[in-house]
Amino acid sequence: MARRWLVDAERGIALAEPAGVMGIINVTPDSFSDGGSHPTAESAARSAAAMLSAGADWLDLGGESTRPGAPPVDADTELARVLPALAAIRSAGIRLPLSIDTSKGAVAAEALRCGADAINDVSGGRDPALLEVAASARCALVLMHMQGDPATMQQAPRYADVVAEVEAALAAALAAAVRRGVRESAIVLDPGIGFGKTAEHNLRLLGALPRLVRALGRPLLVGISRKSLLRAVTGVELAAAERDAASHAGHALLAPACALLRVHDVAGARSALRFAACLAEAA
């Protein structure tokens, strides 16, 4: 397949068409799907190695759960979780691009110093210090839309027009980051599936991904992996870890509009994308 630059050649981050695969590594005790799966730095490094072998283009390392209802943690707790895992991943010789999944400038700065390449901010840049860190480091930055915060976001999400409102909020986040000195070419946007949205809101956003790409002029990261949306759509009561089949069906359908798909099961996602690409080439 052809290759392309996701952000720009300066950072050397390239992804496969039609979408890249970002493997999730949560070093948290309470994430909705894989909380507690990585009790040691070494277990995180083993997962990273497995994702590399399975065809991941990118790794995303997080130390604070953002599941609905999750309480916040302080920067020291977050750093105590992610820095040993980051060190173990790099010590194992794994050089895949790696983003630190954080909303805190202090955590982002230290993770970048210790070997991370990018920042993935689910708050969309609410901490000005994080934007300043991204600008200073000249690193890739993902800005996501979220209505409210993880502790309360799913209690009663409301929109008059979810697509228009998310589009406007992402445009504002993009502009704010650029004002702080982040290069527009370094920014990826994320509509925030499951973050302050009902199943209907999520489906409307997924259907509008091409519109968002055109309107915002930036590549999109999308995460649907194992989310409750899949349970709502399929009508099958499956535990989070049992939703990979539905996740991969969605990945194959959404790939043409995405630069990155954030996934738990890298091997399954890669297989789904290869099949979808083969069908597209045969058409």
C-alpha atoms as a PDB file:
ATOM      1  CA  MET A   1       0.000   0.000   0.000  1.00  0.00           C
ATOM      2  CA  ALA A   2       0.998   3.619  -0.400  1.00  0.00           C
ATOM      3  CA  ARG A   3       2.462   5.511   2.538  1.00  0.00           C
ATOM      4  CA  ARG A   4       1.714   9.045   3.677  1.00  0.00           C
ATOM      5  CA  TRP A   5       2.751  11.452   6.383  1.00  0.00           C
ATOM      6  CA  LEU A   6       0.141  11.826   9.085  1.00  0.00           C
ATOM      7  CA  VAL A   7       1.491  15.031  10.578  1.00  0.00           C
ATOM      8  CA  ASP A   8       4.636  16.089   8.731  1.00  0.00           C
ATOM      9  CA  ALA A   9       8.021  14.780   7.742  1.00  0.00           C
ATOM     10  CA  GLU A  10       9.804  16.589  10.569  1.00  0.00           C
ATOM     11  CA  ARG A  11       8.592  14.082  13.169  1.00  0.00           C
ATOM     12  CA  GLY A  12       8.921  11.146  10.808  1.00  0.00           C
ATOM     13  CA  ILE A  13       5.515   9.659  11.611  1.00  0.00           C
ATOM     14  CA  ALA A  14       4.153   7.669   8.666  1.00  0.00           C
ATOM     15  CA  LEU A  15       1.013   5.554   8.504  1.00  0.00           C
ATOM     16  CA  ALA A  16      -0.417   3.039   6.080  1.00  0.00           C
ATOM     17  CA  GLU A  17      -3.427   3.777   3.907  1.00  0.00           C
ATOM     18  CA  PRO A  18      -6.354   3.831   4.363  1.00  0.00           C
ATOM     19  CA  ALA A  19      -5.907   4.316   8.132  1.00  0.00           C
ATOM     20  CA  GLY A  20      -3.240   3.740  10.731  1.00  0.00           C
ATOM     21  CA  VAL A  21      -3.726   1.546  13.785  1.00  0.00           C
ATOM     22  CA  MET A  22      -3.024   3.010  17.229  1.00  0.00           C
ATOM     23  CA  GLY A  23      -2.632   0.347  19.907  1.00  0.00           C
ATOM     24  CA  ILE A  24      -3.952   1.188  23.373  1.00  0.00           C
ATOM     25  CA  ILE A  25      -1.772   0.544  26.427  1.00  0.00           C
ATOM     26  CA  ASN A  26      -3.511   1.590  29.637  1.00  0.00           C
ATOM     27  CA  VAL A  27      -1.454   1.346  32.817  1.00  0.00           C
ATOM     28  CA  THR A  28      -4.482   2.063  34.970  1.00  0.00           C
ATOM     29  CA  PRO A  29      -6.383  -0.027  37.509  1.00  0.00           C
ATOM     30  CA  ASP A  30      -9.811   1.153  36.341  1.00  0.00           C
ATOM     31  CA  SER A  31     -10.047   1.617  32.561  1.00  0.00           C
ATOM     32  CA  PHE A  32     -13.331   0.274  31.180  1.00  0.00           C
ATOM     33  CA  SER A  33     -11.882  -2.597  29.141  1.00  0.00           C
ATOM     34  CA  ASP A  34      -8.313  -3.302  30.211  1.00  0.00           C
ATOM     35  CA  GLY A  35      -7.915  -1.734  33.636  1.00  0.00           C
ATOM     36  CA  GLY A  36      -5.369  -3.710  35.632  1.00  0.00           C
ATOM     37  CA  SER A  37      -4.060  -5.546  32.564  1.00  0.00           C
ATOM     38  CA  HIS A  38      -0.594  -4.082  32.975  1.00  0.00           C
ATOM     39  CA  PRO A  39       0.371  -4.341  36.646  1.00  0.00           C
ATOM     40  CA  THR A  40       4.081  -3.905  35.841  1.00  0.00           C
ATOM     41  CA  ALA A  41       6.139  -1.882  33.397  1.00  0.00           C
ATOM     42  CA  GLU A  42       7.377  -5.129  31.908  1.00  0.00           C
ATOM     43  CA  SER A  43       3.827  -6.285  31.113  1.00  0.00           C
ATOM     44  CA  ALA A  44       3.207  -2.997  29.306  1.00  0.00           C
ATOM     45  CA  ALA A  45       6.375  -3.523  27.287  1.00  0.00           C
ATOM     46  CA  ARG A  46       5.278  -7.047  26.369  1.00  0.00           C
ATOM     47  CA  SER A  47       1.953  -5.700  25.131  1.00  0.00           C
ATOM     48  CA  ALA A  48       3.766  -3.047  23.115  1.00  0.00           C
ATOM     49  CA  ALA A  49       5.970  -5.719  21.530  1.00  0.00           C
ATOM     50  CA  ALA A  50       2.922  -7.821  20.670  1.00  0.00           C
ATOM     51  CA  MET A  51       1.221  -4.798  19.097  1.00  0.00           C
ATOM     52  CA  LEU A  52       4.323  -4.052  17.044  1.00  0.00           C
ATOM     53  CA  SER A  53       4.355  -7.639  15.758  1.00  0.00           C
ATOM     54  CA  ALA A  54       0.636  -7.448  14.992  1.00  0.00           C
ATOM     55  CA  GLY A  55       1.073  -4.403  12.770  1.00  0.00           C
ATOM     56  CA  ALA A  56       0.492  -1.343  14.958  1.00  0.00           C
ATOM     57  CA  ASP A  57       1.547   1.994  13.482  1.00  0.00           C
ATOM     58  CA  TRP A  58       1.370   3.879  16.775  1.00  0.00           C
ATOM     59  CA  LEU A  59       1.109   3.266  20.521  1.00  0.00           C
ATOM     60  CA  ASP A  60      -0.971   5.294  22.974  1.00  0.00           C
ATOM     61  CA  LEU A  61       0.081   5.085  26.637  1.00  0.00           C
ATOM     62  CA  GLY A  62      -2.282   6.316  29.349  1.00  0.00           C
ATOM     63  CA  GLY A  63      -2.145   6.481  33.134  1.00  0.00           C
ATOM     64  CA  GLU A  64      -5.545   7.989  33.942  1.00  0.00           C
ATOM     65  CA  SER A  65      -8.843   6.300  33.164  1.00  0.00           C
ATOM     66  CA  THR A  66     -11.314   8.377  31.165  1.00  0.00           C
ATOM     67  CA  ARG A  67     -14.171   5.856  31.284  1.00  0.00           C
ATOM     68  CA  PRO A  68     -17.590   7.298  32.197  1.00  0.00           C
ATOM     69  CA  GLY A  69     -17.687   7.998  35.925  1.00  0.00           C
ATOM     70  CA  ALA A  70     -13.920   7.799  36.382  1.00  0.00           C
ATOM     71  CA  PRO A  71     -12.499  10.046  39.109  1.00  0.00           C
ATOM     72  CA  PRO A  72      -9.498  12.244  38.255  1.00  0.00           C
ATOM     73  CA  VAL A  73      -5.981  11.432  39.415  1.00  0.00           C
ATOM     74  CA  ASP A  74      -3.191  13.863  40.169  1.00  0.00           C
ATOM     75  CA  ALA A  75      -0.113  14.354  37.997  1.00  0.00           C
ATOM     76  CA  ASP A  76       2.215  12.519  40.386  1.00  0.00           C
ATOM     77  CA  THR A  77       0.020   9.405  40.326  1.00  0.00           C
ATOM     78  CA  GLU A  78      -0.239   9.529  36.558  1.00  0.00           C
ATOM     79  CA  LEU A  79       3.521   9.921  36.127  1.00  0.00           C
ATOM     80  CA  ALA A  80       4.219   7.069  38.543  1.00  0.00           C
ATOM     81  CA  ARG A  81       2.154   4.836  36.280  1.00  0.00           C
ATOM     82  CA  VAL A  82       3.321   5.890  32.832  1.00  0.00           C
ATOM     83  CA  LEU A  83       7.032   6.675  33.169  1.00  0.00           C
ATOM     84  CA  PRO A  84       8.181   3.160  34.162  1.00  0.00           C
ATOM     85  CA  ALA A  85       6.077   1.692  31.347  1.00  0.00           C
ATOM     86  CA  LEU A  86       7.464   4.196  28.849  1.00  0.00           C
ATOM     87  CA  ALA A  87      11.022   3.431  29.939  1.00  0.00           C
ATOM     88  CA  ALA A  88      10.413  -0.315  29.633  1.00  0.00           C
ATOM     89  CA  ILE A  89       8.908   0.046  26.159  1.00  0.00           C
ATOM     90  CA  ARG A  90      11.852   2.079  24.889  1.00  0.00           C
ATOM     91  CA  SER A  91      14.381  -0.173  26.658  1.00  0.00           C
ATOM     92  CA  ALA A  92      12.854  -3.123  24.796  1.00  0.00           C
ATOM     93  CA  GLY A  93      13.852  -1.453  21.542  1.00  0.00           C
ATOM     94  CA  ILE A  94      10.314  -0.567  20.478  1.00  0.00           C
ATOM     95  CA  ARG A  95      10.554   2.608  18.407  1.00  0.00           C
ATOM     96  CA  LEU A  96       6.984   2.967  17.207  1.00  0.00           C
ATOM     97  CA  PRO A  97       5.611   6.498  17.531  1.00  0.00           C
ATOM     98  CA  LEU A  98       4.088   6.733  21.010  1.00  0.00           C
ATOM     99  CA  SER A  99       1.652   9.310  22.331  1.00  0.00           C
ATOM    100  CA  ILE A 100       1.085  10.073  25.987  1.00  0.00           C
ATOM    101  CA  ASP A 101      -2.650  10.015  26.693  1.00  0.00           C
ATOM    102  CA  THR A 102      -2.987  12.886  29.148  1.00  0.00           C
ATOM    103  CA  SER A 103      -4.731  16.210  29.704  1.00  0.00           C
ATOM    104  CA  LYS A 104      -2.027  17.610  31.973  1.00  0.00           C
ATOM    105  CA  GLY A 105       0.819  19.757  30.741  1.00  0.00           C
ATOM    106  CA  ALA A 106       3.159  18.535  33.468  1.00  0.00           C
ATOM    107  CA  VAL A 107       2.600  14.890  32.543  1.00  0.00           C
ATOM    108  CA  ALA A 108       2.985  15.605  28.835  1.00  0.00           C
ATOM    109  CA  ALA A 109       6.259  17.459  29.356  1.00  0.00           C
ATOM    110  CA  GLU A 110       7.857  14.695  31.411  1.00  0.00           C
ATOM    111  CA  ALA A 111       6.648  11.930  29.091  1.00  0.00           C
ATOM    112  CA  LEU A 112       8.058  13.724  26.055  1.00  0.00           C
ATOM    113  CA  ARG A 113      11.353  14.165  27.880  1.00  0.00           C
ATOM    114  CA  CYS A 114      11.433  10.425  28.594  1.00  0.00           C
ATOM    115  CA  GLY A 115      10.763   9.225  25.058  1.00  0.00           C
ATOM    116  CA  ALA A 116       7.166   9.901  24.016  1.00  0.00           C
ATOM    117  CA  ASP A 117       6.661  11.433  20.565  1.00  0.00           C
ATOM    118  CA  ALA A 118       3.211  12.995  20.775  1.00  0.00           C
ATOM    119  CA  ILE A 119       0.366  14.067  23.064  1.00  0.00           C
ATOM    120  CA  ASN A 120      -3.188  12.692  22.952  1.00  0.00           C
ATOM    121  CA  ASP A 121      -5.426  15.058  24.939  1.00  0.00           C
ATOM    122  CA  VAL A 122      -9.028  13.954  25.507  1.00  0.00           C
ATOM    123  CA  SER A 123      -9.870  17.364  26.988  1.00  0.00           C
ATOM    124  CA  GLY A 124      -9.142  19.180  23.730  1.00  0.00           C
ATOM    125  CA  GLY A 125      -6.521  21.502  25.160  1.00  0.00           C
ATOM    126  CA  ARG A 126      -8.228  22.745  28.310  1.00  0.00           C
ATOM    127  CA  ASP A 127      -4.871  23.021  30.101  1.00  0.00           C
ATOM    128  CA  PRO A 128      -2.983  25.918  28.464  1.00  0.00           C
ATOM    129  CA  ALA A 129       0.262  24.471  29.796  1.00  0.00           C
ATOM    130  CA  LEU A 130      -0.265  21.355  27.672  1.00  0.00           C
ATOM    131  CA  LEU A 131      -0.592  23.458  24.532  1.00  0.00           C
ATOM    132  CA  GLU A 132       2.580  25.315  25.450  1.00  0.00           C
ATOM    133  CA  VAL A 133       4.400  22.004  25.913  1.00  0.00           C
ATOM    134  CA  ALA A 134       3.232  20.808  22.490  1.00  0.00           C
ATOM    135  CA  ALA A 135       4.311  24.074  20.881  1.00  0.00           C
ATOM    136  CA  SER A 136       7.730  24.009  22.518  1.00  0.00           C
ATOM    137  CA  ALA A 137       8.349  20.354  21.680  1.00  0.00           C
ATOM    138  CA  ARG A 138       7.010  20.761  18.117  1.00  0.00           C
ATOM    139  CA  CYS A 139       5.327  17.402  18.562  1.00  0.00           C
ATOM    140  CA  ALA A 140       2.160  15.879  17.179  1.00  0.00           C
ATOM    141  CA  LEU A 141      -0.955  16.734  19.199  1.00  0.00           C
ATOM    142  CA  VAL A 142      -4.353  15.023  19.193  1.00  0.00           C
ATOM    143  CA  LEU A 143      -7.235  17.190  20.409  1.00  0.00           C
ATOM    144  CA  MET A 144     -10.489  15.418  21.260  1.00  0.00           C
ATOM    145  CA  HIS A 145     -14.003  16.709  21.848  1.00  0.00           C
ATOM    146  CA  MET A 146     -15.588  15.901  25.190  1.00  0.00           C
ATOM    147  CA  GLN A 147     -18.762  17.361  26.673  1.00  0.00           C
ATOM    148  CA  GLY A 148     -18.146  17.731  30.406  1.00  0.00           C
ATOM    149  CA  ASP A 149     -15.582  15.513  32.111  1.00  0.00           C
ATOM    150  CA  PRO A 150     -15.243  11.742  32.585  1.00  0.00           C
ATOM    151  CA  ALA A 151     -16.869  11.800  36.019  1.00  0.00           C
ATOM    152  CA  THR A 152     -20.133  13.307  34.731  1.00  0.00           C
ATOM    153  CA  MET A 153     -20.103  13.270  30.914  1.00  0.00           C
ATOM    154  CA  GLN A 154     -22.597  10.443  30.413  1.00  0.00           C
ATOM    155  CA  GLN A 155     -25.187  11.584  32.931  1.00  0.00           C
ATOM    156  CA  ALA A 156     -27.292  13.619  30.501  1.00  0.00           C
ATOM    157  CA  PRO A 157     -25.468  14.596  27.289  1.00  0.00           C
ATOM    158  CA  ARG A 158     -27.480  17.049  25.190  1.00  0.00           C
ATOM    159  CA  TYR A 159     -26.964  18.724  21.814  1.00  0.00           C
ATOM    160  CA  ALA A 160     -29.226  20.679  19.516  1.00  0.00           C
ATOM    161  CA  ASP A 161     -27.122  19.509  16.547  1.00  0.00           C
ATOM    162  CA  VAL A 162     -24.326  17.185  17.640  1.00  0.00           C
ATOM    163  CA  VAL A 163     -22.398  17.292  14.364  1.00  0.00           C
ATOM    164  CA  ALA A 164     -22.445  21.081  14.079  1.00  0.00           C
ATOM    165  CA  GLU A 165     -21.570  21.550  17.748  1.00  0.00           C
ATOM    166  CA  VAL A 166     -18.692  19.077  17.740  1.00  0.00           C
ATOM    167  CA  GLU A 167     -17.400  20.583  14.497  1.00  0.00           C
ATOM    168  CA  ALA A 168     -17.474  24.078  16.024  1.00  0.00           C
ATOM    169  CA  ALA A 169     -15.832  22.918  19.259  1.00  0.00           C
ATOM    170  CA  LEU A 170     -13.017  21.137  17.399  1.00  0.00           C
ATOM    171  CA  ALA A 171     -12.474  24.193  15.188  1.00  0.00           C
ATOM    172  CA  ALA A 172     -12.202  26.333  18.321  1.00  0.00           C
ATOM    173  CA  ALA A 173      -9.759  23.882  19.940  1.00  0.00           C
ATOM    174  CA  LEU A 174      -7.650  23.859  16.787  1.00  0.00           C
ATOM    175  CA  ALA A 175      -7.568  27.659  16.649  1.00  0.00           C
ATOM    176  CA  ALA A 176      -6.690  27.933  20.344  1.00  0.00           C
ATOM    177  CA  ALA A 177      -3.784  25.511  19.935  1.00  0.00           C
ATOM    178  CA  VAL A 178      -2.451  27.420  16.937  1.00  0.00           C
ATOM    179  CA  ARG A 179      -2.670  30.686  18.893  1.00  0.00           C
ATOM    180  CA  ARG A 180      -0.499  29.058  21.577  1.00  0.00           C
ATOM    181  CA  GLY A 181       2.132  28.247  18.990  1.00  0.00           C
ATOM    182  CA  VAL A 182       1.272  24.662  17.989  1.00  0.00           C
ATOM    183  CA  ARG A 183       1.766  24.130  14.271  1.00  0.00           C
ATOM    184  CA  GLU A 184      -1.537  23.403  12.550  1.00  0.00           C
ATOM    185  CA  SER A 185       0.244  20.697  10.537  1.00  0.00           C
ATOM    186  CA  ALA A 186       0.991  18.874  13.814  1.00  0.00           C
ATOM    187  CA  ILE A 187      -2.626  18.627  14.977  1.00  0.00           C
ATOM    188  CA  VAL A 188      -4.966  15.649  14.669  1.00  0.00           C
ATOM    189  CA  LEU A 189      -8.606  15.953  15.750  1.00  0.00           C
ATOM    190  CA  ASP A 190     -10.893  13.403  17.422  1.00  0.00           C
ATOM    191  CA  PRO A 191     -14.716  13.711  17.606  1.00  0.00           C
ATOM    192  CA  GLY A 192     -14.701  11.903  20.972  1.00  0.00           C
ATOM    193  CA  ILE A 193     -16.977   8.920  20.425  1.00  0.00           C
ATOM    194  CA  GLY A 194     -18.501   8.006  23.790  1.00  0.00           C
ATOM    195  CA  PHE A 195     -17.318  11.136  25.570  1.00  0.00           C
ATOM    196  CA  GLY A 196     -20.456  13.002  26.572  1.00  0.00           C
ATOM    197  CA  LYS A 197     -22.611  11.472  23.834  1.00  0.00           C
ATOM    198  CA  THR A 198     -25.510   9.051  23.558  1.00  0.00           C
ATOM    199  CA  ALA A 199     -25.493   6.175  21.084  1.00  0.00           C
ATOM    200  CA  GLU A 200     -27.502   8.311  18.653  1.00  0.00           C
ATOM    201  CA  HIS A 201     -25.038  11.182  18.980  1.00  0.00           C
ATOM    202  CA  ASN A 202     -22.142   8.803  18.321  1.00  0.00           C
ATOM    203  CA  LEU A 203     -23.760   7.337  15.220  1.00  0.00           C
ATOM    204  CA  ARG A 204     -24.484  10.768  13.795  1.00  0.00           C
ATOM    205  CA  LEU A 205     -20.862  11.764  14.299  1.00  0.00           C
ATOM    206  CA  LEU A 206     -19.526   8.588  12.710  1.00  0.00           C
ATOM    207  CA  GLY A 207     -21.763   9.145   9.714  1.00  0.00           C
ATOM    208  CA  ALA A 208     -20.469  12.709   9.432  1.00  0.00           C
ATOM    209  CA  LEU A 209     -16.732  11.929   9.500  1.00  0.00           C
ATOM    210  CA  PRO A 210     -16.196  12.938   5.852  1.00  0.00           C
ATOM    211  CA  ARG A 211     -17.937  16.251   6.579  1.00  0.00           C
ATOM    212  CA  LEU A 212     -15.673  16.849   9.580  1.00  0.00           C
ATOM    213  CA  VAL A 213     -12.540  16.161   7.546  1.00  0.00           C
ATOM    214  CA  ARG A 214     -13.651  18.623   4.863  1.00  0.00           C
ATOM    215  CA  ALA A 215     -14.746  21.310   7.309  1.00  0.00           C
ATOM    216  CA  LEU A 216     -11.801  21.125   9.693  1.00  0.00           C
ATOM    217  CA  GLY A 217      -9.033  20.398   7.224  1.00  0.00           C
ATOM    218  CA  ARG A 218      -7.183  18.087   9.618  1.00  0.00           C
ATOM    219  CA  PRO A 219      -6.833  14.308   9.854  1.00  0.00           C
ATOM    220  CA  LEU A 220      -9.083  12.488  12.306  1.00  0.00           C
ATOM    221  CA  LEU A 221      -8.390   9.941  15.010  1.00  0.00           C
ATOM    222  CA  VAL A 222     -11.435   7.831  15.921  1.00  0.00           C
ATOM    223  CA  GLY A 223     -11.879   5.418  18.795  1.00  0.00           C
ATOM    224  CA  ILE A 224     -14.822   3.018  18.859  1.00  0.00           C
ATOM    225  CA  SER A 225     -12.983  -0.050  20.147  1.00  0.00           C
ATOM    226  CA  ARG A 226     -15.043  -2.058  22.665  1.00  0.00           C
ATOM    227  CA  LYS A 227     -17.225   0.940  23.535  1.00  0.00           C
ATOM    228  CA  SER A 228     -20.796   0.695  24.799  1.00  0.00           C
ATOM    229  CA  LEU A 229     -22.005   2.087  21.467  1.00  0.00           C
ATOM    230  CA  LEU A 230     -21.360  -1.372  20.011  1.00  0.00           C
ATOM    231  CA  ARG A 231     -23.605  -2.987  22.611  1.00  0.00           C
ATOM    232  CA  ALA A 232     -26.332  -0.462  21.869  1.00  0.00           C
ATOM    233  CA  VAL A 233     -26.112  -0.967  18.107  1.00  0.00           C
ATOM    234  CA  THR A 234     -25.898  -4.763  18.081  1.00  0.00           C
ATOM    235  CA  GLY A 235     -28.359  -5.314  20.907  1.00  0.00           C
ATOM    236  CA  VAL A 236     -26.058  -7.991  22.306  1.00  0.00           C
ATOM    237  CA  GLU A 237     -25.095  -7.746  25.969  1.00  0.00           C
ATOM    238  CA  LEU A 238     -21.374  -8.434  25.761  1.00  0.00           C
ATOM    239  CA  ALA A 239     -18.651  -7.478  28.193  1.00  0.00           C
ATOM    240  CA  ALA A 240     -16.231  -4.864  26.878  1.00  0.00           C
ATOM    241  CA  ALA A 241     -13.515  -7.391  26.059  1.00  0.00           C
ATOM    242  CA  GLU A 242     -16.014  -9.409  23.986  1.00  0.00           C
ATOM    243  CA  ARG A 243     -16.831  -6.577  21.569  1.00  0.00           C
ATOM    244  CA  ASP A 244     -13.842  -6.939  19.243  1.00  0.00           C
ATOM    245  CA  ALA A 245     -15.809  -8.461  16.347  1.00  0.00           C
ATOM    246  CA  ALA A 246     -18.206  -5.516  16.230  1.00  0.00           C
ATOM    247  CA  SER A 247     -15.291  -3.128  16.731  1.00  0.00           C
ATOM    248  CA  HIS A 248     -13.477  -4.470  13.680  1.00  0.00           C
ATOM    249  CA  ALA A 249     -16.559  -4.299  11.480  1.00  0.00           C
ATOM    250  CA  GLY A 250     -16.711  -0.625  12.389  1.00  0.00           C
ATOM    251  CA  HIS A 251     -12.983  -0.157  11.794  1.00  0.00           C
ATOM    252  CA  ALA A 252     -13.267  -1.503   8.265  1.00  0.00           C
ATOM    253  CA  LEU A 253     -16.196   0.808   7.484  1.00  0.00           C
ATOM    254  CA  LEU A 254     -14.707   3.925   9.073  1.00  0.00           C
ATOM    255  CA  ALA A 255     -11.134   3.620   7.794  1.00  0.00           C
ATOM    256  CA  PRO A 256     -11.566   5.702   4.607  1.00  0.00           C
ATOM    257  CA  ALA A 257     -12.416   8.789   6.686  1.00  0.00           C
ATOM    258  CA  CYS A 258      -9.784   8.309   9.395  1.00  0.00           C
ATOM    259  CA  ALA A 259      -6.059   8.844   9.714  1.00  0.00           C
ATOM    260  CA  LEU A 260      -5.852   6.755  12.874  1.00  0.00           C
ATOM    261  CA  LEU A 261      -8.056   4.157  14.549  1.00  0.00           C
ATOM    262  CA  ARG A 262      -7.451   3.725  18.276  1.00  0.00           C
ATOM    263  CA  VAL A 263      -7.872   0.024  19.081  1.00  0.00           C
ATOM    264  CA  HIS A 264      -7.387  -2.607  21.765  1.00  0.00           C
ATOM    265  CA  ASP A 265      -6.968  -5.611  19.435  1.00  0.00           C
ATOM    266  CA  VAL A 266      -4.322  -4.573  16.908  1.00  0.00           C
ATOM    267  CA  ALA A 267      -4.170  -7.885  15.037  1.00  0.00           C
ATOM    268  CA  GLY A 268      -7.922  -7.988  14.476  1.00  0.00           C
ATOM    269  CA  ALA A 269      -8.079  -4.368  13.395  1.00  0.00           C
ATOM    270  CA  ARG A 270      -5.194  -4.813  10.969  1.00  0.00           C
ATOM    271  CA  SER A 271      -6.868  -7.878   9.415  1.00  0.00           C
ATOM    272  CA  ALA A 272     -10.145  -5.983   9.004  1.00  0.00           C
ATOM    273  CA  LEU A 273      -8.382  -3.058   7.335  1.00  0.00           C
ATOM    274  CA  ARG A 274      -6.437  -5.310   4.975  1.00  0.00           C
ATOM    275  CA  PHE A 275      -9.631  -7.044   3.874  1.00  0.00           C
ATOM    276  CA  ALA A 276     -11.427  -3.740   3.374  1.00  0.00           C
ATOM    277  CA  ALA A 277      -8.474  -2.400   1.338  1.00  0.00           C
ATOM    278  CA  CYS A 278      -8.418  -5.496  -0.862  1.00  0.00           C
ATOM    279  CA  LEU A 279     -12.124  -5.150  -1.570  1.00  0.00           C
ATOM    280  CA  ALA A 280     -11.665  -1.476  -2.432  1.00  0.00           C
ATOM    281  CA  GLU A 281      -8.859  -2.292  -4.855  1.00  0.00           C
ATOM    282  CA  ALA A 282     -10.937  -5.024  -6.495  1.00  0.00           C
ATOM    283  CA  ALA A 283     -13.965  -2.794  -7.026  1.00  0.00           C
END
